[in-house]
Amino acid sequence: MREKNNKELNSVYVVNEKYQIVYIDDAFKEKYPHFQDNALCYELLSHECQPCLDCPLKQLEENDTSIFHFLRYNKNDQVWNNYTILKLKWPNEGDCILVAVHPINDENRKVFLNINQNQHYDELLELDLNTKRYHYLYVNHDEIDLPEEGTIESLINNFSLKYVGL
């Protein structure tokens, strides 16, 4: 069994309404050994100078819920993560969110999209809409015979020719 590297660790942290990280678990400490109390999440985790566009705090507000699940690509670690976020009251901080991070592991090809249901995929690809390119993260070549990466247009054309007959 291979050992997990730092970017594959499950971790938990808590963020207050000022985007300060007010709690971290041991896995988070291992991944970010230079963490300082009350570090701003968007600076530490995303290397940004302002809150992320897809910030979990905003996700909870926009969806008017106390728990939310989503997938997000961590460009710094170059890994997809499954996030579960929970709105809660934290001692001496008030309203906060607890963030549980579960890296997506392609070995078992399962993505947990919610607590009660898991999804299984036969192929998983990443689309970069800025560069108009794709890259397979996982593909069963016995089932799908397409190049590992290329332009989105070529993916659509090749798929249409091979599997749809257009």
N, C-alpha and C. Protein backbone atom coordinates (compact mmCIF):
# COMPACT_ATOMS: atom_id res chain seq x y z
N MET A 1 0.85 -1.18 0.00
CA MET A 1 0.00 0.00 0.00
C MET A 1 0.88 1.23 0.00
N ARG A 2 0.61 2.17 -0.90
CA ARG A 2 1.47 3.35 -0.96
C ARG A 2 1.09 4.35 0.12
N GLU A 3 2.06 5.12 0.55
CA GLU A 3 1.82 6.11 1.59
C GLU A 3 1.26 7.38 0.96
N LYS A 4 0.41 8.05 1.73
CA LYS A 4 -0.17 9.29 1.25
C LYS A 4 0.84 10.42 1.40
N ASN A 5 0.87 11.28 0.39
CA ASN A 5 1.71 12.47 0.54
C ASN A 5 0.84 13.57 1.12
N ASN A 6 1.44 14.71 1.43
CA ASN A 6 0.73 15.79 2.11
C ASN A 6 -0.51 16.27 1.37
N LYS A 7 -0.49 16.27 0.05
CA LYS A 7 -1.65 16.80 -0.66
C LYS A 7 -2.80 15.80 -0.71
N GLU A 8 -2.59 14.57 -0.23
CA GLU A 8 -3.65 13.57 -0.23
C GLU A 8 -4.29 13.37 1.14
N LEU A 9 -3.93 14.15 2.13
CA LEU A 9 -4.45 13.96 3.47
C LEU A 9 -5.84 14.57 3.64
N ASN A 10 -6.72 13.83 4.32
CA ASN A 10 -7.99 14.40 4.75
C ASN A 10 -7.66 15.41 5.84
N SER A 11 -8.34 16.53 5.84
CA SER A 11 -8.08 17.52 6.88
C SER A 11 -9.35 18.29 7.21
N VAL A 12 -9.30 18.94 8.37
CA VAL A 12 -10.43 19.75 8.85
C VAL A 12 -9.88 21.06 9.36
N TYR A 13 -10.58 22.14 9.03
CA TYR A 13 -10.24 23.44 9.58
C TYR A 13 -11.51 24.26 9.75
N VAL A 14 -11.42 25.32 10.57
CA VAL A 14 -12.56 26.20 10.84
C VAL A 14 -12.16 27.62 10.48
N VAL A 15 -13.06 28.31 9.78
CA VAL A 15 -12.83 29.67 9.32
C VAL A 15 -13.93 30.58 9.86
N ASN A 16 -13.54 31.76 10.39
CA ASN A 16 -14.55 32.71 10.86
C ASN A 16 -15.00 33.62 9.73
N GLU A 17 -15.92 34.53 10.04
CA GLU A 17 -16.49 35.40 9.01
C GLU A 17 -15.49 36.41 8.45
N LYS A 18 -14.34 36.55 9.10
CA LYS A 18 -13.28 37.45 8.61
C LYS A 18 -12.26 36.68 7.78
N TYR A 19 -12.59 35.43 7.45
CA TYR A 19 -11.73 34.56 6.65
C TYR A 19 -10.48 34.10 7.40
N GLN A 20 -10.47 34.23 8.71
CA GLN A 20 -9.34 33.78 9.51
C GLN A 20 -9.53 32.31 9.88
N ILE A 21 -8.47 31.55 9.77
CA ILE A 21 -8.52 30.14 10.17
C ILE A 21 -8.32 30.10 11.68
N VAL A 22 -9.35 29.60 12.39
CA VAL A 22 -9.32 29.64 13.86
C VAL A 22 -9.10 28.26 14.49
N TYR A 23 -9.14 27.21 13.67
CA TYR A 23 -8.87 25.85 14.17
C TYR A 23 -8.32 25.03 13.02
N ILE A 24 -7.34 24.17 13.33
CA ILE A 24 -6.82 23.21 12.36
C ILE A 24 -6.58 21.87 13.05
N ASP A 25 -6.77 20.79 12.31
CA ASP A 25 -6.48 19.47 12.88
C ASP A 25 -5.03 19.09 12.58
N ASP A 26 -4.63 17.92 13.06
CA ASP A 26 -3.23 17.49 12.90
C ASP A 26 -2.83 17.31 11.44
N ALA A 27 -3.74 16.81 10.61
CA ALA A 27 -3.42 16.62 9.18
C ALA A 27 -3.17 17.97 8.52
N PHE A 28 -3.95 18.98 8.89
CA PHE A 28 -3.76 20.32 8.35
C PHE A 28 -2.40 20.87 8.81
N LYS A 29 -2.06 20.63 10.07
CA LYS A 29 -0.75 21.08 10.59
C LYS A 29 0.39 20.42 9.83
N GLU A 30 0.20 19.14 9.49
CA GLU A 30 1.24 18.43 8.74
C GLU A 30 1.39 19.00 7.33
N LYS A 31 0.27 19.34 6.73
CA LYS A 31 0.29 19.86 5.37
C LYS A 31 0.82 21.29 5.30
N TYR A 32 0.50 22.09 6.33
CA TYR A 32 0.91 23.50 6.39
C TYR A 32 1.70 23.75 7.67
N PRO A 33 2.93 23.27 7.74
CA PRO A 33 3.70 23.38 8.98
C PRO A 33 4.03 24.82 9.38
N HIS A 34 3.95 25.76 8.45
CA HIS A 34 4.26 27.16 8.76
C HIS A 34 3.01 27.97 9.09
N PHE A 35 1.90 27.28 9.32
CA PHE A 35 0.64 27.95 9.66
C PHE A 35 0.82 28.83 10.89
N GLN A 36 0.25 30.03 10.84
CA GLN A 36 0.24 30.94 11.99
C GLN A 36 -1.21 31.20 12.37
N ASP A 37 -1.48 31.34 13.66
CA ASP A 37 -2.85 31.58 14.13
C ASP A 37 -3.50 32.73 13.37
N ASN A 38 -4.77 32.54 13.08
CA ASN A 38 -5.61 33.53 12.39
C ASN A 38 -5.14 33.88 10.98
N ALA A 39 -4.41 32.98 10.35
CA ALA A 39 -4.01 33.20 8.95
C ALA A 39 -5.28 33.31 8.11
N LEU A 40 -5.23 34.12 7.08
CA LEU A 40 -6.37 34.26 6.18
C LEU A 40 -6.40 33.05 5.24
N CYS A 41 -7.55 32.41 5.15
CA CYS A 41 -7.66 31.16 4.39
C CYS A 41 -7.28 31.35 2.93
N TYR A 42 -7.74 32.43 2.31
CA TYR A 42 -7.46 32.61 0.89
C TYR A 42 -5.98 32.89 0.62
N GLU A 43 -5.28 33.48 1.58
CA GLU A 43 -3.83 33.68 1.40
C GLU A 43 -3.08 32.37 1.57
N LEU A 44 -3.39 31.63 2.63
CA LEU A 44 -2.67 30.40 2.93
C LEU A 44 -2.99 29.27 1.94
N LEU A 45 -4.26 29.08 1.66
CA LEU A 45 -4.68 27.93 0.88
C LEU A 45 -4.66 28.15 -0.63
N SER A 46 -4.95 29.36 -1.07
CA SER A 46 -5.06 29.63 -2.51
C SER A 46 -4.03 30.63 -3.03
N HIS A 47 -3.23 31.19 -2.12
CA HIS A 47 -2.23 32.19 -2.50
C HIS A 47 -2.88 33.36 -3.24
N GLU A 48 -4.03 33.78 -2.76
CA GLU A 48 -4.77 34.91 -3.33
C GLU A 48 -4.69 36.09 -2.37
N CYS A 49 -5.00 37.28 -2.87
CA CYS A 49 -4.98 38.47 -2.02
C CYS A 49 -6.39 38.93 -1.65
N GLN A 50 -7.39 38.17 -2.08
CA GLN A 50 -8.78 38.45 -1.71
C GLN A 50 -9.53 37.13 -1.67
N PRO A 51 -10.72 37.11 -1.03
CA PRO A 51 -11.47 35.84 -0.94
C PRO A 51 -11.70 35.21 -2.32
N CYS A 52 -11.66 33.89 -2.34
CA CYS A 52 -11.84 33.13 -3.58
C CYS A 52 -13.22 33.36 -4.17
N LEU A 53 -13.31 33.29 -5.49
CA LEU A 53 -14.60 33.46 -6.16
C LEU A 53 -15.60 32.38 -5.74
N ASP A 54 -15.12 31.17 -5.51
CA ASP A 54 -15.99 30.07 -5.10
C ASP A 54 -15.85 29.75 -3.61
N CYS A 55 -15.69 30.80 -2.81
CA CYS A 55 -15.48 30.67 -1.37
C CYS A 55 -16.62 29.89 -0.70
N PRO A 56 -16.30 28.93 0.18
CA PRO A 56 -17.34 28.19 0.90
C PRO A 56 -18.27 29.07 1.73
N LEU A 57 -17.75 30.16 2.28
CA LEU A 57 -18.63 31.07 3.03
C LEU A 57 -19.73 31.61 2.12
N LYS A 58 -19.36 31.96 0.91
CA LYS A 58 -20.34 32.47 -0.06
C LYS A 58 -21.29 31.35 -0.51
N GLN A 59 -20.76 30.13 -0.64
CA GLN A 59 -21.59 29.00 -1.05
C GLN A 59 -22.74 28.78 -0.07
N LEU A 60 -22.44 28.86 1.23
CA LEU A 60 -23.48 28.66 2.24
C LEU A 60 -24.53 29.76 2.17
N GLU A 61 -24.07 31.00 2.02
CA GLU A 61 -25.01 32.12 1.94
C GLU A 61 -25.89 32.02 0.72
N GLU A 62 -25.29 31.74 -0.43
CA GLU A 62 -26.05 31.68 -1.69
C GLU A 62 -27.05 30.53 -1.71
N ASN A 63 -26.73 29.45 -1.04
CA ASN A 63 -27.61 28.28 -1.05
C ASN A 63 -28.51 28.23 0.18
N ASP A 64 -28.41 29.22 1.06
CA ASP A 64 -29.25 29.33 2.25
C ASP A 64 -29.38 27.99 2.97
N THR A 65 -28.23 27.43 3.32
CA THR A 65 -28.20 26.13 3.97
C THR A 65 -27.13 26.14 5.06
N SER A 66 -27.13 25.13 5.91
CA SER A 66 -26.10 25.06 6.95
C SER A 66 -25.06 24.00 6.63
N ILE A 67 -25.30 23.21 5.59
CA ILE A 67 -24.31 22.22 5.16
C ILE A 67 -24.30 22.20 3.63
N PHE A 68 -23.10 22.01 3.07
CA PHE A 68 -22.98 22.07 1.61
C PHE A 68 -21.82 21.18 1.19
N HIS A 69 -21.95 20.53 0.04
CA HIS A 69 -20.90 19.67 -0.53
C HIS A 69 -20.55 20.19 -1.91
N PHE A 70 -19.27 20.17 -2.24
CA PHE A 70 -18.86 20.54 -3.60
C PHE A 70 -17.47 20.01 -3.89
N LEU A 71 -17.16 19.93 -5.17
CA LEU A 71 -15.83 19.53 -5.64
C LEU A 71 -15.10 20.79 -6.08
N ARG A 72 -13.81 20.82 -5.80
CA ARG A 72 -13.02 21.99 -6.19
C ARG A 72 -11.60 21.54 -6.50
N TYR A 73 -11.04 22.11 -7.54
CA TYR A 73 -9.66 21.82 -7.92
C TYR A 73 -8.74 22.75 -7.16
N ASN A 74 -7.76 22.19 -6.46
CA ASN A 74 -6.75 22.98 -5.76
C ASN A 74 -5.56 23.13 -6.72
N LYS A 75 -5.45 24.33 -7.30
CA LYS A 75 -4.42 24.53 -8.33
C LYS A 75 -3.01 24.50 -7.74
N ASN A 76 -2.88 24.82 -6.47
CA ASN A 76 -1.54 24.80 -5.85
C ASN A 76 -1.04 23.37 -5.65
N ASP A 77 -1.94 22.48 -5.21
CA ASP A 77 -1.56 21.08 -5.00
C ASP A 77 -1.81 20.22 -6.23
N GLN A 78 -2.52 20.78 -7.21
CA GLN A 78 -2.88 20.07 -8.44
C GLN A 78 -3.63 18.78 -8.12
N VAL A 79 -4.69 18.94 -7.31
CA VAL A 79 -5.50 17.79 -6.91
C VAL A 79 -6.95 18.25 -6.77
N TRP A 80 -7.89 17.35 -7.11
CA TRP A 80 -9.31 17.62 -6.89
C TRP A 80 -9.67 17.20 -5.48
N ASN A 81 -10.45 18.03 -4.80
CA ASN A 81 -10.90 17.73 -3.45
C ASN A 81 -12.42 17.74 -3.37
N ASN A 82 -12.94 16.91 -2.49
CA ASN A 82 -14.35 16.91 -2.15
C ASN A 82 -14.47 17.65 -0.82
N TYR A 83 -15.26 18.72 -0.79
CA TYR A 83 -15.40 19.54 0.40
C TYR A 83 -16.78 19.34 1.01
N THR A 84 -16.83 19.22 2.31
CA THR A 84 -18.07 19.28 3.07
C THR A 84 -17.90 20.47 4.01
N ILE A 85 -18.83 21.41 3.94
CA ILE A 85 -18.74 22.58 4.80
C ILE A 85 -20.01 22.67 5.64
N LEU A 86 -19.82 23.09 6.87
CA LEU A 86 -20.89 23.13 7.85
C LEU A 86 -20.86 24.45 8.59
N LYS A 87 -21.99 25.14 8.61
CA LYS A 87 -22.10 26.39 9.36
C LYS A 87 -22.30 26.03 10.83
N LEU A 88 -21.54 26.70 11.71
CA LEU A 88 -21.66 26.43 13.14
C LEU A 88 -21.20 27.62 13.97
N LYS A 89 -21.46 27.56 15.26
CA LYS A 89 -20.97 28.56 16.21
C LYS A 89 -19.70 27.98 16.82
N TRP A 90 -18.61 28.74 16.78
CA TRP A 90 -17.34 28.28 17.33
C TRP A 90 -17.04 29.08 18.59
N PRO A 91 -16.54 28.42 19.64
CA PRO A 91 -16.26 29.13 20.90
C PRO A 91 -15.36 30.36 20.70
N ASN A 92 -15.78 31.47 21.24
CA ASN A 92 -15.07 32.75 21.19
C ASN A 92 -14.95 33.35 19.79
N GLU A 93 -15.63 32.76 18.80
CA GLU A 93 -15.55 33.27 17.43
C GLU A 93 -16.93 33.59 16.84
N GLY A 94 -17.96 32.94 17.34
CA GLY A 94 -19.29 33.14 16.78
C GLY A 94 -19.50 32.32 15.52
N ASP A 95 -20.16 32.91 14.53
CA ASP A 95 -20.47 32.19 13.29
C ASP A 95 -19.20 31.85 12.52
N CYS A 96 -19.06 30.58 12.19
CA CYS A 96 -17.90 30.08 11.45
C CYS A 96 -18.36 28.97 10.52
N ILE A 97 -17.42 28.49 9.71
CA ILE A 97 -17.67 27.28 8.93
C ILE A 97 -16.57 26.27 9.23
N LEU A 98 -16.99 25.03 9.35
CA LEU A 98 -16.06 23.92 9.47
C LEU A 98 -15.91 23.34 8.07
N VAL A 99 -14.69 23.16 7.65
CA VAL A 99 -14.40 22.65 6.30
C VAL A 99 -13.70 21.31 6.43
N ALA A 100 -14.31 20.27 5.90
CA ALA A 100 -13.69 18.94 5.84
C ALA A 100 -13.26 18.70 4.40
N VAL A 101 -11.98 18.40 4.21
CA VAL A 101 -11.42 18.23 2.87
C VAL A 101 -11.04 16.77 2.67
N HIS A 102 -11.55 16.19 1.59
CA HIS A 102 -11.26 14.80 1.26
C HIS A 102 -10.72 14.76 -0.17
N PRO A 103 -9.42 14.56 -0.34
CA PRO A 103 -8.87 14.48 -1.71
C PRO A 103 -9.52 13.33 -2.48
N ILE A 104 -9.78 13.57 -3.74
CA ILE A 104 -10.36 12.54 -4.59
C ILE A 104 -9.26 11.60 -5.00
N ASN A 105 -9.46 10.34 -4.74
CA ASN A 105 -8.48 9.31 -5.00
C ASN A 105 -8.92 8.53 -6.23
N ASP A 106 -8.17 8.62 -7.30
CA ASP A 106 -8.54 7.93 -8.54
C ASP A 106 -8.38 6.42 -8.46
N GLU A 107 -7.71 5.91 -7.43
CA GLU A 107 -7.52 4.47 -7.35
C GLU A 107 -8.83 3.72 -7.17
N ASN A 108 -9.75 4.27 -6.37
CA ASN A 108 -11.00 3.55 -6.17
C ASN A 108 -12.13 4.11 -7.03
N ARG A 109 -11.87 5.20 -7.75
CA ARG A 109 -12.80 5.80 -8.70
C ARG A 109 -14.17 6.09 -8.09
N LYS A 110 -14.19 6.55 -6.86
CA LYS A 110 -15.44 6.92 -6.22
C LYS A 110 -15.35 8.34 -5.72
N VAL A 111 -16.37 9.12 -6.02
CA VAL A 111 -16.45 10.49 -5.56
C VAL A 111 -17.66 10.59 -4.65
N PHE A 112 -17.45 10.97 -3.40
CA PHE A 112 -18.56 11.08 -2.47
C PHE A 112 -19.19 12.45 -2.61
N LEU A 113 -20.36 12.48 -3.25
CA LEU A 113 -21.02 13.74 -3.52
C LEU A 113 -21.98 14.15 -2.41
N ASN A 114 -22.44 13.23 -1.63
CA ASN A 114 -23.20 13.59 -0.44
C ASN A 114 -23.10 12.46 0.57
N ILE A 115 -23.62 12.67 1.73
CA ILE A 115 -23.41 11.73 2.84
C ILE A 115 -24.00 10.36 2.54
N ASN A 116 -25.13 10.30 1.86
CA ASN A 116 -25.85 9.04 1.69
C ASN A 116 -25.60 8.34 0.37
N GLN A 117 -24.91 8.96 -0.55
CA GLN A 117 -24.80 8.38 -1.88
C GLN A 117 -23.38 8.57 -2.39
N ASN A 118 -22.82 7.52 -2.99
CA ASN A 118 -21.54 7.72 -3.65
C ASN A 118 -21.71 7.44 -5.13
N GLN A 119 -20.92 8.11 -5.91
CA GLN A 119 -20.98 8.00 -7.35
C GLN A 119 -19.74 7.26 -7.83
N HIS A 120 -19.90 6.50 -8.88
CA HIS A 120 -18.78 5.77 -9.47
C HIS A 120 -18.65 6.25 -10.91
N TYR A 121 -17.44 6.50 -11.35
CA TYR A 121 -17.26 6.96 -12.72
C TYR A 121 -16.31 6.03 -13.47
N ASP A 122 -16.57 5.91 -14.78
CA ASP A 122 -15.72 5.11 -15.65
C ASP A 122 -14.67 5.98 -16.33
N GLU A 123 -14.95 7.26 -16.39
CA GLU A 123 -13.98 8.20 -16.91
C GLU A 123 -14.17 9.54 -16.20
N LEU A 124 -13.09 10.25 -16.06
CA LEU A 124 -13.14 11.56 -15.42
C LEU A 124 -12.16 12.45 -16.17
N LEU A 125 -12.68 13.57 -16.67
CA LEU A 125 -11.78 14.47 -17.37
C LEU A 125 -11.95 15.89 -16.88
N GLU A 126 -10.92 16.64 -17.07
CA GLU A 126 -10.88 18.03 -16.64
C GLU A 126 -10.93 18.90 -17.89
N LEU A 127 -11.83 19.87 -17.88
CA LEU A 127 -11.93 20.82 -18.99
C LEU A 127 -11.38 22.16 -18.55
N ASP A 128 -10.48 22.72 -19.31
CA ASP A 128 -9.97 24.06 -19.05
C ASP A 128 -10.61 24.97 -20.10
N LEU A 129 -11.63 25.70 -19.67
CA LEU A 129 -12.37 26.53 -20.61
C LEU A 129 -11.59 27.76 -21.05
N ASN A 130 -10.58 28.14 -20.30
CA ASN A 130 -9.74 29.27 -20.71
C ASN A 130 -8.87 28.91 -21.91
N THR A 131 -8.26 27.73 -21.86
CA THR A 131 -7.38 27.32 -22.96
C THR A 131 -8.10 26.43 -23.97
N LYS A 132 -9.35 26.06 -23.65
CA LYS A 132 -10.16 25.20 -24.52
C LYS A 132 -9.50 23.84 -24.73
N ARG A 133 -8.95 23.30 -23.64
CA ARG A 133 -8.28 22.01 -23.69
C ARG A 133 -8.89 21.08 -22.65
N TYR A 134 -8.67 19.77 -22.84
CA TYR A 134 -9.11 18.77 -21.87
C TYR A 134 -7.94 17.88 -21.50
N HIS A 135 -8.10 17.19 -20.38
CA HIS A 135 -7.09 16.24 -19.92
C HIS A 135 -7.83 15.16 -19.12
N TYR A 136 -7.63 13.89 -19.49
CA TYR A 136 -8.25 12.81 -18.72
C TYR A 136 -7.54 12.64 -17.39
N LEU A 137 -8.31 12.63 -16.31
CA LEU A 137 -7.78 12.33 -14.99
C LEU A 137 -7.84 10.82 -14.75
N TYR A 138 -8.86 10.19 -15.33
CA TYR A 138 -8.97 8.73 -15.30
C TYR A 138 -9.74 8.30 -16.53
N VAL A 139 -9.30 7.22 -17.16
CA VAL A 139 -10.05 6.65 -18.27
C VAL A 139 -9.71 5.17 -18.37
N ASN A 140 -10.73 4.37 -18.62
CA ASN A 140 -10.55 2.95 -18.88
C ASN A 140 -10.37 2.80 -20.38
N HIS A 141 -9.15 2.57 -20.83
CA HIS A 141 -8.86 2.52 -22.26
C HIS A 141 -9.49 1.32 -22.95
N ASP A 142 -9.94 0.32 -22.18
CA ASP A 142 -10.67 -0.80 -22.78
C ASP A 142 -12.05 -0.33 -23.25
N GLU A 143 -12.59 0.69 -22.60
CA GLU A 143 -13.92 1.20 -22.93
C GLU A 143 -13.86 2.44 -23.84
N ILE A 144 -12.94 3.33 -23.57
CA ILE A 144 -12.85 4.60 -24.30
C ILE A 144 -11.49 4.67 -24.99
N ASP A 145 -11.50 4.90 -26.29
CA ASP A 145 -10.26 4.97 -27.06
C ASP A 145 -10.11 6.38 -27.63
N LEU A 146 -9.73 7.30 -26.77
CA LEU A 146 -9.52 8.70 -27.17
C LEU A 146 -8.19 9.17 -26.60
N PRO A 147 -7.58 10.18 -27.21
CA PRO A 147 -6.31 10.70 -26.68
C PRO A 147 -6.46 11.20 -25.24
N GLU A 148 -5.39 11.08 -24.45
CA GLU A 148 -5.38 11.49 -23.04
C GLU A 148 -5.65 12.98 -22.86
N GLU A 149 -5.24 13.79 -23.84
CA GLU A 149 -5.45 15.23 -23.75
C GLU A 149 -5.51 15.83 -25.14
N GLY A 150 -6.03 17.05 -25.21
CA GLY A 150 -6.13 17.74 -26.48
C GLY A 150 -7.11 18.90 -26.37
N THR A 151 -7.57 19.38 -27.50
CA THR A 151 -8.53 20.49 -27.48
C THR A 151 -9.93 19.92 -27.23
N ILE A 152 -10.77 20.74 -26.64
CA ILE A 152 -12.15 20.32 -26.39
C ILE A 152 -12.86 20.03 -27.71
N GLU A 153 -12.57 20.84 -28.72
CA GLU A 153 -13.17 20.62 -30.04
C GLU A 153 -12.79 19.25 -30.59
N SER A 154 -11.50 18.87 -30.45
CA SER A 154 -11.08 17.56 -30.95
C SER A 154 -11.72 16.43 -30.13
N LEU A 155 -11.93 16.64 -28.84
CA LEU A 155 -12.60 15.64 -28.02
C LEU A 155 -14.02 15.40 -28.52
N ILE A 156 -14.74 16.48 -28.76
CA ILE A 156 -16.13 16.38 -29.25
C ILE A 156 -16.15 15.71 -30.62
N ASN A 157 -15.27 16.14 -31.51
CA ASN A 157 -15.23 15.56 -32.86
C ASN A 157 -14.88 14.07 -32.82
N ASN A 158 -13.81 13.72 -32.08
CA ASN A 158 -13.40 12.32 -32.00
C ASN A 158 -14.47 11.44 -31.37
N PHE A 159 -15.08 11.94 -30.28
CA PHE A 159 -16.13 11.18 -29.62
C PHE A 159 -17.32 10.97 -30.55
N SER A 160 -17.69 12.03 -31.25
CA SER A 160 -18.82 11.95 -32.18
C SER A 160 -18.55 10.94 -33.29
N LEU A 161 -17.35 10.97 -33.85
CA LEU A 161 -16.99 10.05 -34.94
C LEU A 161 -16.94 8.59 -34.47
N LYS A 162 -16.35 8.36 -33.29
CA LYS A 162 -16.15 6.98 -32.82
C LYS A 162 -17.38 6.37 -32.17
N TYR A 163 -18.16 7.18 -31.44
CA TYR A 163 -19.18 6.60 -30.58
C TYR A 163 -20.61 7.00 -30.93
N VAL A 164 -20.77 8.05 -31.70
CA VAL A 164 -22.12 8.51 -32.04
C VAL A 164 -22.39 8.26 -33.52
N GLY A 165 -21.35 8.23 -34.32
CA GLY A 165 -21.50 7.99 -35.74
C GLY A 165 -21.91 9.22 -36.53
N LEU A 166 -21.51 10.40 -36.03
CA LEU A 166 -21.82 11.65 -36.75
C LEU A 166 -20.75 11.98 -37.75
